[in-house]
Amino acid sequence: QVQLVESGGGLVQPGGSLRLPCSAFGSILSLYIMGWYRQAPGKQRELVAHITRSGSTEYADSVKGRFTISRDNAKNTVYLQMNNLKPEDTAVYYCNRGITIQAMAKGSWGQGTQVTVSS
């Protein structure tokens, strides 16, 4: 049974920054594509960023230039660094894993971590 635990969320001012770690228990994350997703109230869950086994990254247009996904295989952890946060970034953020992006999107979801961007 795999556990993915997201943390690091909270209330932040517009223009501020947060760093979200996702730690795994029962899985070696270096074997998988890792992704960060978010779901805002009334909206569908969307893929924000993903990183491959080789370290290649891709981002949604809405976060390009502001967010950075990275992985630390020694710590079995993936991170989402969020800079210049905007109110529209407010959402519950989730991480997930998969052999492919399709498999990652169809996987189970944890509790996520709430990010609220407000003045």
Protein backbone atom coordinates (compact mmCIF):
# COMPACT_ATOMS: atom_id res chain seq x y z
CA GLN A 1 0.00 0.00 0.00
CA VAL A 2 1.55 3.26 -1.20
CA GLN A 3 1.21 6.46 0.78
CA LEU A 4 1.89 9.86 -0.75
CA VAL A 5 1.91 12.67 1.77
CA GLU A 6 1.73 16.29 0.66
CA SER A 7 2.54 19.17 2.99
CA GLY A 8 3.75 22.75 3.02
CA GLY A 9 0.48 24.47 2.17
CA GLY A 10 -0.96 27.45 3.93
CA LEU A 11 -2.10 31.04 3.59
CA VAL A 12 0.20 33.32 1.63
CA GLN A 13 0.04 36.87 0.28
CA PRO A 14 -0.12 37.48 -3.46
CA GLY A 15 3.41 37.54 -4.79
CA GLY A 16 4.61 35.25 -2.04
CA SER A 17 6.15 31.80 -2.25
CA LEU A 18 5.55 28.30 -0.94
CA ARG A 19 7.41 25.04 -1.27
CA LEU A 20 5.38 21.84 -1.23
CA PRO A 21 7.04 18.50 -0.53
CA CYS A 22 5.53 15.15 -1.43
CA SER A 23 6.99 12.19 0.39
CA ALA A 24 6.35 8.55 -0.36
CA PHE A 25 6.05 5.51 1.86
CA GLY A 26 5.97 2.10 0.26
CA SER A 27 7.20 3.20 -3.16
CA ILE A 28 10.46 4.23 -4.79
CA LEU A 29 9.56 7.43 -6.56
CA SER A 30 12.63 7.47 -8.79
CA LEU A 31 10.98 4.72 -10.83
CA TYR A 32 8.04 6.91 -11.83
CA ILE A 33 6.92 10.04 -13.52
CA MET A 34 5.86 12.38 -10.74
CA GLY A 35 3.23 15.06 -11.03
CA TRP A 36 1.66 17.87 -9.08
CA TYR A 37 -2.03 18.52 -9.55
CA ARG A 38 -4.43 21.03 -8.12
CA GLN A 39 -8.16 21.34 -7.74
CA ALA A 40 -9.90 24.62 -7.03
CA PRO A 41 -13.49 24.85 -5.79
CA GLY A 42 -15.93 24.18 -8.61
CA LYS A 43 -13.19 23.18 -11.03
CA GLN A 44 -11.74 19.93 -12.30
CA ARG A 45 -8.41 18.67 -11.11
CA GLU A 46 -5.62 19.80 -13.41
CA LEU A 47 -2.04 18.76 -13.94
CA VAL A 48 0.23 21.62 -12.94
CA ALA A 49 3.65 20.09 -13.53
CA HIS A 50 5.38 16.77 -13.98
CA ILE A 51 8.91 15.45 -13.95
CA THR A 52 10.25 12.33 -15.62
CA ARG A 53 12.72 9.77 -14.35
CA SER A 54 15.48 11.59 -16.20
CA GLY A 55 14.53 14.97 -14.76
CA SER A 56 12.75 16.46 -17.74
CA THR A 57 9.96 18.82 -16.68
CA GLU A 58 6.78 20.23 -18.14
CA TYR A 59 4.37 22.87 -16.83
CA ALA A 60 0.88 24.10 -17.42
CA ASP A 61 0.83 27.45 -19.20
CA SER A 62 -0.76 29.09 -16.18
CA VAL A 63 2.28 28.41 -13.97
CA LYS A 64 5.21 28.57 -16.39
CA GLY A 65 7.96 30.81 -15.11
CA ARG A 66 6.55 30.77 -11.59
CA PHE A 67 6.51 27.12 -10.47
CA THR A 68 9.34 24.60 -10.44
CA ILE A 69 9.01 20.85 -9.92
CA SER A 70 12.01 18.89 -8.71
CA ARG A 71 12.85 15.57 -7.16
CA ASP A 72 15.32 14.38 -4.56
CA ASN A 73 15.69 10.66 -5.01
CA ALA A 74 17.84 10.28 -1.90
CA LYS A 75 14.93 11.61 0.16
CA ASN A 76 12.29 9.87 -1.95
CA THR A 77 10.57 13.23 -2.24
CA VAL A 78 9.27 15.48 -4.99
CA TYR A 79 8.83 19.23 -4.53
CA LEU A 80 6.81 22.02 -6.02
CA GLN A 81 8.37 25.44 -5.58
CA MET A 82 5.73 28.12 -6.14
CA ASN A 83 6.80 31.73 -6.61
CA ASN A 84 4.88 34.90 -7.38
CA LEU A 85 1.67 33.29 -6.22
CA LYS A 86 -1.63 34.64 -7.45
CA PRO A 87 -5.15 34.33 -6.03
CA GLU A 88 -6.06 32.01 -8.90
CA ASP A 89 -3.47 29.55 -7.60
CA THR A 90 -5.72 28.89 -4.61
CA ALA A 91 -6.51 25.16 -4.61
CA VAL A 92 -5.84 21.86 -2.95
CA TYR A 93 -2.56 20.53 -4.31
CA TYR A 94 -1.92 16.82 -4.80
CA CYS A 95 1.00 14.74 -5.96
CA ASN A 96 0.84 11.43 -7.76
CA ARG A 97 3.01 8.94 -9.60
CA GLY A 98 2.82 6.70 -12.62
CA ILE A 99 4.74 4.80 -15.25
CA THR A 100 2.99 7.07 -17.73
CA ILE A 101 1.13 10.35 -17.41
CA GLN A 102 -2.10 8.51 -18.12
CA ALA A 103 -1.46 6.03 -15.33
CA MET A 104 -0.56 8.85 -12.97
CA ALA A 105 -3.86 10.62 -13.61
CA LYS A 106 -5.83 7.45 -12.94
CA GLY A 107 -4.13 6.67 -9.65
CA SER A 108 -5.42 7.08 -6.14
CA TRP A 109 -5.36 10.47 -4.46
CA GLY A 110 -4.25 11.44 -0.99
CA GLN A 111 -5.50 14.26 1.18
CA GLY A 112 -3.54 16.98 -0.57
CA THR A 113 -2.49 20.28 0.96
CA GLN A 114 -4.46 23.51 0.87
CA VAL A 115 -2.86 26.58 -0.68
CA THR A 116 -4.70 29.85 -0.21
CA VAL A 117 -3.42 33.04 -1.83
CA SER A 118 -5.14 36.09 -0.44
CA SER A 119 -4.48 39.59 0.83
